[in-house]
Every structure is written in C-alpha cells, then in structure tokens.
Amino acid sequence: EEVINASLDVPVEIAKENDKQDPDKEIKKNDSNKGVAKKTTAKQAVKKYETNETSLGIDISTWQGMIDWKKVKQSGISFAMIRVGFRRMDSGAIAMDGRFLANIKGAIANNINVGIYFFSMAKNSSEALEEARWVANVIKDYDITYPVAIDTEIFNRHRLKGVSYSTLTNNALVFCEYMRKMGYTPMIYSYLNAFNKYFDTAKFSKERIWLAQFNDKVTYKGNYHMWQYTSDGSVPGIAGRVDMDVAYF
C-alpha cells in the first residue's frame, strides 16, 4: 500500500518572503473563483455575524506581513486559521510559511483560538499523507483549539495537471484521517464550485467543510462549518487586506 511508505523525513524548510512557487500567489492573482470580495471591517463583521452560535475569525499567512496580535484580539476577532505551510506548485517541495512561527506564537499569547491550514499540492494519497505528517510534526508543540485544514484550490494546473478529481477527493480524506488519528479536528477548505463540481462531497459526510464564497450569504446546499466570506477584510493590527471567516461551532 503506497500510503504506508510515506516518509516522515521531510525537512522543515522555511519559505522566504515572496516564494515564487507559493501556490497562494496563483490564487491571489485569480480570486474570481470565490466571488466578488466586499470591503468589511472587524467592527462590521462582529455586528453582522457574531451570535451565541458563531464566532468571528480571520485566516492569515505570510502575505499579511507583521501582525499586531494584541490589536487583532481587541477588535473582536476570536480565532485565526494560520497557514503552516504549502507544497510548492511545480517542484513539489514542502515549505513552512515564513511567518508561521511568529503568527502562532502571537495569536496564542493573545488568547486567540488557533486553527491551522496547509496548502496542498499532493498528487496522490502518499503525498497527502506526507503533508499530514509534516503538519502534525510542525504543530505538535502548540495548543491548537480549532480545526486543522487541508486547502485544495488548484485543479488541473502546475504539478496537479491531469490529477483526477477523485484523487483529490481521496487526498483530502487521507489528510483528514491522519489528523483525526493525531487528535485534531480535520477540515477541508475550497471554494463553492469545487465542492459543487469537482469533489465527491458525498465522501466528506463526516468532515468539516470550510467554504470560500465571497457573497452576502452562502448559496452552497451542502453542509459547511466555516465560511470565508471575503478576502477584503480590514482588521486593526493587520496592514492591508485579510480574509475573514465565520465559524459555526
């Protein structure tokens, strides 16, 4: 079984600022898959989305630069999904997000709930398992109170050219299964069209879904547990735009 042979010996290399093979670069160029992002402030978000059943958060990576986590906390943000790393688009090497350590330490020090995401470019189940093991190894010393997500949003391009949707569905499940085994709550991140057309979402029935849909309301008919509703948020303590999320748990 290919899965069993996945190596744990992936060195932890820290990506430099503006890594040319960071898959996020490609996504930032073409966010239209997710809808049209509306400007929103932390204040507006708290007013609009925070209830007894929901909590308000952000997801961040090296692209947000230095963050003043104290100000983020004071603004009413209660959780942060922090990018731990990514697999490079073409070479396939795994790299840690250049600001992961600063972000996770800053968020935890300011009593912000922390979840994790990893930008996958896995071609098969053995690479998906390798990613999961790498993530679990990097985050093991931190208090992760929110889910650990696999981010799959590049289809049929770069090193994933010709990789079937059923393989990508299976990769997400392999990642989730390993995270569950390690005691984390797994989650799958992608955008509306991917959940509607690419993934075999029937297989995701026991997984948490983190849906990217930049809209005033969700039109996805399936179950979802976190909603990324804009990439144009403004939050005190963060320079420039930031993704904003609502969690329903």
C-alpha atoms as a PDB file:
ATOM      1  CA  GLU A   1       0.000   0.000   0.000  1.00  0.00           C
ATOM      2  CA  GLU A   2       1.574   3.278  -1.136  1.00  0.00           C
ATOM      3  CA  VAL A   3       0.202   5.136   1.879  1.00  0.00           C
ATOM      4  CA  ILE A   4       2.273   3.207   4.391  1.00  0.00           C
ATOM      5  CA  ASN A   5       5.526   4.191   2.722  1.00  0.00           C
ATOM      6  CA  ALA A   6       5.018   7.943   3.059  1.00  0.00           C
ATOM      7  CA  SER A   7       8.187   9.328   4.515  1.00  0.00           C
ATOM      8  CA  LEU A   8       8.340  11.433   7.636  1.00  0.00           C
ATOM      9  CA  ASP A   9      11.788  12.662   6.702  1.00  0.00           C
ATOM     10  CA  VAL A  10      10.692  15.886   5.071  1.00  0.00           C
ATOM     11  CA  PRO A  11      12.969  18.620   6.379  1.00  0.00           C
ATOM     12  CA  VAL A  12      11.310  21.753   7.691  1.00  0.00           C
ATOM     13  CA  GLU A  13      12.467  24.424   5.292  1.00  0.00           C
ATOM     14  CA  ILE A  14      11.152  27.933   5.941  1.00  0.00           C
ATOM     15  CA  ALA A  15       9.950  29.701   2.814  1.00  0.00           C
ATOM     16  CA  LYS A  16      11.415  33.082   2.028  1.00  0.00           C
ATOM     17  CA  GLU A  17       9.187  36.106   1.592  1.00  0.00           C
ATOM     18  CA  ASN A  18       7.515  36.018  -1.821  1.00  0.00           C
ATOM     19  CA  ASP A  19       8.390  32.424  -2.707  1.00  0.00           C
ATOM     20  CA  LYS A  20       7.839  32.133  -6.456  1.00  0.00           C
ATOM     21  CA  GLN A  21       6.275  28.693  -6.134  1.00  0.00           C
ATOM     22  CA  ASP A  22       3.888  29.548  -3.318  1.00  0.00           C
ATOM     23  CA  PRO A  23       0.505  28.351  -4.656  1.00  0.00           C
ATOM     24  CA  ASP A  24      -1.154  31.260  -2.838  1.00  0.00           C
ATOM     25  CA  LYS A  25       0.433  33.556  -5.436  1.00  0.00           C
ATOM     26  CA  GLU A  26      -1.624  31.950  -8.153  1.00  0.00           C
ATOM     27  CA  ILE A  27      -4.793  32.204  -6.083  1.00  0.00           C
ATOM     28  CA  LYS A  28      -4.212  35.868  -5.229  1.00  0.00           C
ATOM     29  CA  LYS A  29      -3.962  36.622  -8.963  1.00  0.00           C
ATOM     30  CA  ASN A  30      -7.278  34.959  -9.653  1.00  0.00           C
ATOM     31  CA  ASP A  31      -9.682  35.092  -6.737  1.00  0.00           C
ATOM     32  CA  SER A  32     -12.725  35.252  -9.018  1.00  0.00           C
ATOM     33  CA  ASN A  33     -13.442  31.555  -8.343  1.00  0.00           C
ATOM     34  CA  LYS A  34     -14.634  32.629  -4.916  1.00  0.00           C
ATOM     35  CA  GLY A  35     -16.907  35.506  -5.945  1.00  0.00           C
ATOM     36  CA  VAL A  36     -16.500  39.243  -5.502  1.00  0.00           C
ATOM     37  CA  ALA A  37     -14.853  40.269  -2.241  1.00  0.00           C
ATOM     38  CA  LYS A  38     -16.543  43.135  -0.409  1.00  0.00           C
ATOM     39  CA  LYS A  39     -14.729  45.507   1.890  1.00  0.00           C
ATOM     40  CA  THR A  40     -15.612  44.839   5.502  1.00  0.00           C
ATOM     41  CA  THR A  41     -14.171  45.899   8.836  1.00  0.00           C
ATOM     42  CA  ALA A  42     -13.821  43.842  12.005  1.00  0.00           C
ATOM     43  CA  LYS A  43     -16.420  46.109  13.613  1.00  0.00           C
ATOM     44  CA  GLN A  44     -18.974  45.479  10.847  1.00  0.00           C
ATOM     45  CA  ALA A  45     -18.246  41.771  10.926  1.00  0.00           C
ATOM     46  CA  VAL A  46     -18.786  41.467  14.674  1.00  0.00           C
ATOM     47  CA  LYS A  47     -22.098  43.292  14.333  1.00  0.00           C
ATOM     48  CA  LYS A  48     -23.263  41.257  11.355  1.00  0.00           C
ATOM     49  CA  TYR A  49     -22.036  37.755  12.075  1.00  0.00           C
ATOM     50  CA  GLU A  50     -21.315  37.288  15.753  1.00  0.00           C
ATOM     51  CA  THR A  51     -24.042  35.458  17.671  1.00  0.00           C
ATOM     52  CA  ASN A  52     -24.110  32.924  20.502  1.00  0.00           C
ATOM     53  CA  GLU A  53     -23.724  30.158  17.912  1.00  0.00           C
ATOM     54  CA  THR A  54     -20.961  31.657  15.791  1.00  0.00           C
ATOM     55  CA  SER A  55     -17.505  33.069  16.206  1.00  0.00           C
ATOM     56  CA  LEU A  56     -15.616  35.502  14.079  1.00  0.00           C
ATOM     57  CA  GLY A  57     -12.154  34.925  12.683  1.00  0.00           C
ATOM     58  CA  ILE A  58      -9.506  35.538  10.079  1.00  0.00           C
ATOM     59  CA  ASP A  59      -7.172  33.331   8.091  1.00  0.00           C
ATOM     60  CA  ILE A  60      -3.657  34.515   7.541  1.00  0.00           C
ATOM     61  CA  SER A  61      -0.305  33.667   6.008  1.00  0.00           C
ATOM     62  CA  THR A  62       2.996  35.320   5.180  1.00  0.00           C
ATOM     63  CA  TRP A  63       1.094  37.682   2.859  1.00  0.00           C
ATOM     64  CA  GLN A  64      -0.249  39.669   5.833  1.00  0.00           C
ATOM     65  CA  GLY A  65       3.250  40.607   6.975  1.00  0.00           C
ATOM     66  CA  MET A  66       3.860  41.534  10.622  1.00  0.00           C
ATOM     67  CA  ILE A  67       0.716  41.346  12.742  1.00  0.00           C
ATOM     68  CA  ASP A  68      -0.039  43.143  15.999  1.00  0.00           C
ATOM     69  CA  TRP A  69      -1.992  40.327  17.635  1.00  0.00           C
ATOM     70  CA  LYS A  70      -2.995  42.388  20.652  1.00  0.00           C
ATOM     71  CA  LYS A  71      -4.897  44.790  18.389  1.00  0.00           C
ATOM     72  CA  VAL A  72      -6.422  41.859  16.482  1.00  0.00           C
ATOM     73  CA  LYS A  73      -7.764  40.428  19.750  1.00  0.00           C
ATOM     74  CA  GLN A  74      -9.122  43.791  20.884  1.00  0.00           C
ATOM     75  CA  SER A  75     -11.008  44.168  17.594  1.00  0.00           C
ATOM     76  CA  GLY A  76     -13.293  41.241  18.460  1.00  0.00           C
ATOM     77  CA  ILE A  77     -11.606  38.521  16.405  1.00  0.00           C
ATOM     78  CA  SER A  78     -11.819  35.264  18.349  1.00  0.00           C
ATOM     79  CA  PHE A  79      -9.997  32.795  16.096  1.00  0.00           C
ATOM     80  CA  ALA A  80      -7.283  32.683  13.461  1.00  0.00           C
ATOM     81  CA  MET A  81      -6.704  29.970  10.882  1.00  0.00           C
ATOM     82  CA  ILE A  82      -2.941  30.174  10.376  1.00  0.00           C
ATOM     83  CA  ARG A  83      -1.150  28.802   7.342  1.00  0.00           C
ATOM     84  CA  VAL A  84       1.551  26.414   8.492  1.00  0.00           C
ATOM     85  CA  GLY A  85       2.991  25.768   5.040  1.00  0.00           C
ATOM     86  CA  PHE A  86       2.487  24.690   1.475  1.00  0.00           C
ATOM     87  CA  ARG A  87       3.743  22.295  -1.168  1.00  0.00           C
ATOM     88  CA  ARG A  88       5.426  24.177  -3.988  1.00  0.00           C
ATOM     89  CA  MET A  89       3.378  24.391  -7.194  1.00  0.00           C
ATOM     90  CA  ASP A  90       5.925  22.831  -9.506  1.00  0.00           C
ATOM     91  CA  SER A  91       8.876  21.347  -7.609  1.00  0.00           C
ATOM     92  CA  GLY A  92       6.594  19.701  -5.047  1.00  0.00           C
ATOM     93  CA  ALA A  93       8.879  20.540  -2.115  1.00  0.00           C
ATOM     94  CA  ILE A  94       7.154  21.255   1.207  1.00  0.00           C
ATOM     95  CA  ALA A  95       7.913  24.598   2.865  1.00  0.00           C
ATOM     96  CA  MET A  96       6.874  26.225   6.117  1.00  0.00           C
ATOM     97  CA  ASP A  97       5.095  29.572   5.838  1.00  0.00           C
ATOM     98  CA  GLY A  98       7.736  32.214   6.592  1.00  0.00           C
ATOM     99  CA  ARG A  99       5.581  33.840   9.276  1.00  0.00           C
ATOM    100  CA  PHE A 100       4.028  30.733  10.788  1.00  0.00           C
ATOM    101  CA  LEU A 101       6.063  30.758  13.993  1.00  0.00           C
ATOM    102  CA  ALA A 102       5.554  34.477  14.651  1.00  0.00           C
ATOM    103  CA  ASN A 103       1.830  34.166  13.895  1.00  0.00           C
ATOM    104  CA  ILE A 104       1.080  31.143  16.029  1.00  0.00           C
ATOM    105  CA  LYS A 105       3.048  32.453  18.995  1.00  0.00           C
ATOM    106  CA  GLY A 106       1.430  35.895  18.701  1.00  0.00           C
ATOM    107  CA  ALA A 107      -2.096  34.548  18.388  1.00  0.00           C
ATOM    108  CA  ILE A 108      -1.766  32.120  21.310  1.00  0.00           C
ATOM    109  CA  ALA A 109      -0.113  34.760  23.519  1.00  0.00           C
ATOM    110  CA  ASN A 110      -3.179  36.958  22.995  1.00  0.00           C
ATOM    111  CA  ASN A 111      -5.733  34.216  23.720  1.00  0.00           C
ATOM    112  CA  ILE A 112      -6.943  33.883  20.157  1.00  0.00           C
ATOM    113  CA  ASN A 113      -8.154  30.396  19.247  1.00  0.00           C
ATOM    114  CA  VAL A 114      -5.852  28.889  16.660  1.00  0.00           C
ATOM    115  CA  GLY A 115      -6.592  26.595  13.739  1.00  0.00           C
ATOM    116  CA  ILE A 116      -4.188  25.555  11.009  1.00  0.00           C
ATOM    117  CA  TYR A 117      -4.274  25.156   7.267  1.00  0.00           C
ATOM    118  CA  PHE A 118      -1.841  23.668   4.780  1.00  0.00           C
ATOM    119  CA  PHE A 119      -1.954  24.473   1.050  1.00  0.00           C
ATOM    120  CA  SER A 120      -1.808  21.049  -0.557  1.00  0.00           C
ATOM    121  CA  MET A 121      -0.455  20.242  -3.997  1.00  0.00           C
ATOM    122  CA  ALA A 122      -0.461  16.479  -3.355  1.00  0.00           C
ATOM    123  CA  LYS A 123      -0.670  14.306  -6.476  1.00  0.00           C
ATOM    124  CA  ASN A 124      -1.638  11.092  -4.673  1.00  0.00           C
ATOM    125  CA  SER A 125      -2.529   9.626  -1.295  1.00  0.00           C
ATOM    126  CA  SER A 126       1.051   9.037  -0.291  1.00  0.00           C
ATOM    127  CA  GLU A 127       1.889  12.717  -0.803  1.00  0.00           C
ATOM    128  CA  ALA A 128      -1.282  13.709   1.075  1.00  0.00           C
ATOM    129  CA  LEU A 129      -0.172  11.541   3.990  1.00  0.00           C
ATOM    130  CA  GLU A 130       3.305  13.061   3.804  1.00  0.00           C
ATOM    131  CA  GLU A 131       1.726  16.534   4.067  1.00  0.00           C
ATOM    132  CA  ALA A 132      -0.434  15.491   7.023  1.00  0.00           C
ATOM    133  CA  ARG A 133       2.537  14.016   8.882  1.00  0.00           C
ATOM    134  CA  TRP A 134       4.633  17.085   8.179  1.00  0.00           C
ATOM    135  CA  VAL A 135       1.885  19.364   9.509  1.00  0.00           C
ATOM    136  CA  ALA A 136       1.300  17.281  12.647  1.00  0.00           C
ATOM    137  CA  ASN A 137       5.019  17.287  13.332  1.00  0.00           C
ATOM    138  CA  VAL A 138       5.330  21.089  12.985  1.00  0.00           C
ATOM    139  CA  ILE A 139       2.277  21.968  15.115  1.00  0.00           C
ATOM    140  CA  LYS A 140       2.695  19.348  17.854  1.00  0.00           C
ATOM    141  CA  ASP A 141       4.020  21.770  20.491  1.00  0.00           C
ATOM    142  CA  TYR A 142       1.224  24.314  20.137  1.00  0.00           C
ATOM    143  CA  ASP A 143      -2.251  24.451  21.616  1.00  0.00           C
ATOM    144  CA  ILE A 144      -4.436  24.044  18.539  1.00  0.00           C
ATOM    145  CA  THR A 145      -8.069  24.607  19.550  1.00  0.00           C
ATOM    146  CA  TYR A 146      -9.638  24.989  16.084  1.00  0.00           C
ATOM    147  CA  PRO A 147      -9.515  22.585  13.127  1.00  0.00           C
ATOM    148  CA  VAL A 148      -6.522  21.597  11.016  1.00  0.00           C
ATOM    149  CA  ALA A 149      -7.486  22.054   7.368  1.00  0.00           C
ATOM    150  CA  ILE A 150      -6.237  20.876   4.020  1.00  0.00           C
ATOM    151  CA  ASP A 151      -6.538  23.674   1.459  1.00  0.00           C
ATOM    152  CA  THR A 152      -7.147  22.371  -2.079  1.00  0.00           C
ATOM    153  CA  GLU A 153      -7.986  25.047  -4.614  1.00  0.00           C
ATOM    154  CA  ILE A 154      -5.740  24.477  -7.617  1.00  0.00           C
ATOM    155  CA  PHE A 155      -7.131  21.947 -10.088  1.00  0.00           C
ATOM    156  CA  ASN A 156      -5.501  20.555 -13.231  1.00  0.00           C
ATOM    157  CA  ARG A 157      -2.664  23.079 -13.220  1.00  0.00           C
ATOM    158  CA  HIS A 158       1.039  23.017 -12.351  1.00  0.00           C
ATOM    159  CA  ARG A 159       2.043  19.687 -10.787  1.00  0.00           C
ATOM    160  CA  LEU A 160      -1.648  18.737 -10.483  1.00  0.00           C
ATOM    161  CA  LYS A 161      -2.178  18.769 -14.252  1.00  0.00           C
ATOM    162  CA  GLY A 162      -4.018  15.581 -15.134  1.00  0.00           C
ATOM    163  CA  VAL A 163      -4.669  14.588 -11.494  1.00  0.00           C
ATOM    164  CA  SER A 164      -8.284  13.447 -11.278  1.00  0.00           C
ATOM    165  CA  TYR A 165     -10.938  14.966  -9.033  1.00  0.00           C
ATOM    166  CA  SER A 166     -11.455  11.580  -7.420  1.00  0.00           C
ATOM    167  CA  THR A 167      -7.756  11.500  -6.468  1.00  0.00           C
ATOM    168  CA  LEU A 168      -8.025  14.996  -4.957  1.00  0.00           C
ATOM    169  CA  THR A 169     -11.144  13.912  -3.047  1.00  0.00           C
ATOM    170  CA  ASN A 170      -9.233  10.931  -1.698  1.00  0.00           C
ATOM    171  CA  ASN A 171      -6.186  13.075  -0.832  1.00  0.00           C
ATOM    172  CA  ALA A 172      -8.358  15.305   1.349  1.00  0.00           C
ATOM    173  CA  LEU A 173      -9.753  12.233   3.137  1.00  0.00           C
ATOM    174  CA  VAL A 174      -6.270  10.791   3.737  1.00  0.00           C
ATOM    175  CA  PHE A 175      -5.155  14.103   5.252  1.00  0.00           C
ATOM    176  CA  CYS A 176      -8.285  14.301   7.447  1.00  0.00           C
ATOM    177  CA  GLU A 177      -7.989  10.706   8.621  1.00  0.00           C
ATOM    178  CA  TYR A 178      -4.409  11.241   9.764  1.00  0.00           C
ATOM    179  CA  MET A 179      -5.285  14.472  11.584  1.00  0.00           C
ATOM    180  CA  ARG A 180      -8.139  12.726  13.343  1.00  0.00           C
ATOM    181  CA  LYS A 181      -5.790   9.933  14.386  1.00  0.00           C
ATOM    182  CA  MET A 182      -3.426  12.553  15.839  1.00  0.00           C
ATOM    183  CA  GLY A 183      -6.232  14.036  17.938  1.00  0.00           C
ATOM    184  CA  TYR A 184      -7.021  17.093  15.800  1.00  0.00           C
ATOM    185  CA  THR A 185     -10.329  18.106  14.217  1.00  0.00           C
ATOM    186  CA  PRO A 186      -9.787  17.922  10.452  1.00  0.00           C
ATOM    187  CA  MET A 187     -11.375  20.256   7.913  1.00  0.00           C
ATOM    188  CA  ILE A 188     -11.399  20.692   4.119  1.00  0.00           C
ATOM    189  CA  TYR A 189     -11.100  24.143   2.530  1.00  0.00           C
ATOM    190  CA  SER A 190     -12.099  25.028  -1.007  1.00  0.00           C
ATOM    191  CA  TYR A 191     -14.487  27.224  -2.954  1.00  0.00           C
ATOM    192  CA  LEU A 192     -18.146  26.795  -3.932  1.00  0.00           C
ATOM    193  CA  ASN A 193     -17.591  25.488  -7.463  1.00  0.00           C
ATOM    194  CA  ALA A 194     -15.047  22.927  -6.279  1.00  0.00           C
ATOM    195  CA  PHE A 195     -17.470  21.496  -3.711  1.00  0.00           C
ATOM    196  CA  ASN A 196     -20.295  21.567  -6.254  1.00  0.00           C
ATOM    197  CA  LYS A 197     -18.457  20.185  -9.290  1.00  0.00           C
ATOM    198  CA  TYR A 198     -15.057  18.705  -8.528  1.00  0.00           C
ATOM    199  CA  PHE A 199     -15.052  16.903  -5.199  1.00  0.00           C
ATOM    200  CA  ASP A 200     -17.164  13.855  -4.472  1.00  0.00           C
ATOM    201  CA  THR A 201     -18.661  15.589  -1.439  1.00  0.00           C
ATOM    202  CA  ALA A 202     -20.757  12.541  -0.511  1.00  0.00           C
ATOM    203  CA  LYS A 203     -17.462  11.131   0.796  1.00  0.00           C
ATOM    204  CA  PHE A 204     -16.986  14.190   3.014  1.00  0.00           C
ATOM    205  CA  SER A 205     -20.036  13.467   5.184  1.00  0.00           C
ATOM    206  CA  LYS A 206     -18.032  13.149   8.406  1.00  0.00           C
ATOM    207  CA  GLU A 207     -15.627  16.005   7.636  1.00  0.00           C
ATOM    208  CA  ARG A 208     -15.918  19.664   8.474  1.00  0.00           C
ATOM    209  CA  ILE A 209     -16.156  21.895   5.419  1.00  0.00           C
ATOM    210  CA  TRP A 210     -14.614  25.355   5.198  1.00  0.00           C
ATOM    211  CA  LEU A 211     -16.332  27.100   2.319  1.00  0.00           C
ATOM    212  CA  ALA A 212     -14.916  30.066   0.426  1.00  0.00           C
ATOM    213  CA  GLN A 213     -17.734  32.071  -1.109  1.00  0.00           C
ATOM    214  CA  PHE A 214     -17.409  35.840  -1.328  1.00  0.00           C
ATOM    215  CA  ASN A 215     -21.040  36.788  -1.098  1.00  0.00           C
ATOM    216  CA  ASP A 216     -23.586  38.284   1.302  1.00  0.00           C
ATOM    217  CA  LYS A 217     -24.892  34.822   2.011  1.00  0.00           C
ATOM    218  CA  VAL A 218     -23.978  31.208   1.357  1.00  0.00           C
ATOM    219  CA  THR A 219     -25.695  29.526  -1.578  1.00  0.00           C
ATOM    220  CA  TYR A 220     -23.983  26.153  -1.099  1.00  0.00           C
ATOM    221  CA  LYS A 221     -26.571  23.425  -0.483  1.00  0.00           C
ATOM    222  CA  GLY A 222     -24.283  21.034   1.380  1.00  0.00           C
ATOM    223  CA  ASN A 223     -23.196  21.149   4.999  1.00  0.00           C
ATOM    224  CA  TYR A 224     -20.468  23.610   5.921  1.00  0.00           C
ATOM    225  CA  HIS A 225     -18.892  24.545   9.240  1.00  0.00           C
ATOM    226  CA  MET A 226     -16.823  27.608   8.446  1.00  0.00           C
ATOM    227  CA  TRP A 227     -17.444  30.294   5.850  1.00  0.00           C
ATOM    228  CA  GLN A 228     -14.777  32.542   4.343  1.00  0.00           C
ATOM    229  CA  TYR A 229     -16.916  35.413   3.108  1.00  0.00           C
ATOM    230  CA  THR A 230     -14.382  37.983   1.931  1.00  0.00           C
ATOM    231  CA  SER A 231     -10.700  38.493   1.193  1.00  0.00           C
ATOM    232  CA  ASP A 232     -11.079  42.236   1.633  1.00  0.00           C
ATOM    233  CA  GLY A 233     -11.385  42.500   5.391  1.00  0.00           C
ATOM    234  CA  SER A 234      -9.694  45.196   7.401  1.00  0.00           C
ATOM    235  CA  VAL A 235      -8.705  44.383  10.955  1.00  0.00           C
ATOM    236  CA  PRO A 236      -6.750  46.565  13.403  1.00  0.00           C
ATOM    237  CA  GLY A 237      -3.210  45.225  13.780  1.00  0.00           C
ATOM    238  CA  ILE A 238      -3.025  43.959  10.181  1.00  0.00           C
ATOM    239  CA  ALA A 239      -1.792  46.123   7.316  1.00  0.00           C
ATOM    240  CA  GLY A 240      -3.751  45.614   4.117  1.00  0.00           C
ATOM    241  CA  ARG A 241      -6.439  43.108   3.253  1.00  0.00           C
ATOM    242  CA  VAL A 242      -7.206  39.974   5.190  1.00  0.00           C
ATOM    243  CA  ASP A 243      -9.582  37.024   4.706  1.00  0.00           C
ATOM    244  CA  MET A 244     -12.491  36.952   7.143  1.00  0.00           C
ATOM    245  CA  ASP A 245     -14.403  33.914   8.364  1.00  0.00           C
ATOM    246  CA  VAL A 246     -17.385  32.838  10.420  1.00  0.00           C
ATOM    247  CA  ALA A 247     -17.251  29.542  12.330  1.00  0.00           C
ATOM    248  CA  TYR A 248     -20.488  27.741  13.178  1.00  0.00           C
ATOM    249  CA  PHE A 249     -19.171  25.725  16.099  1.00  0.00           C
END
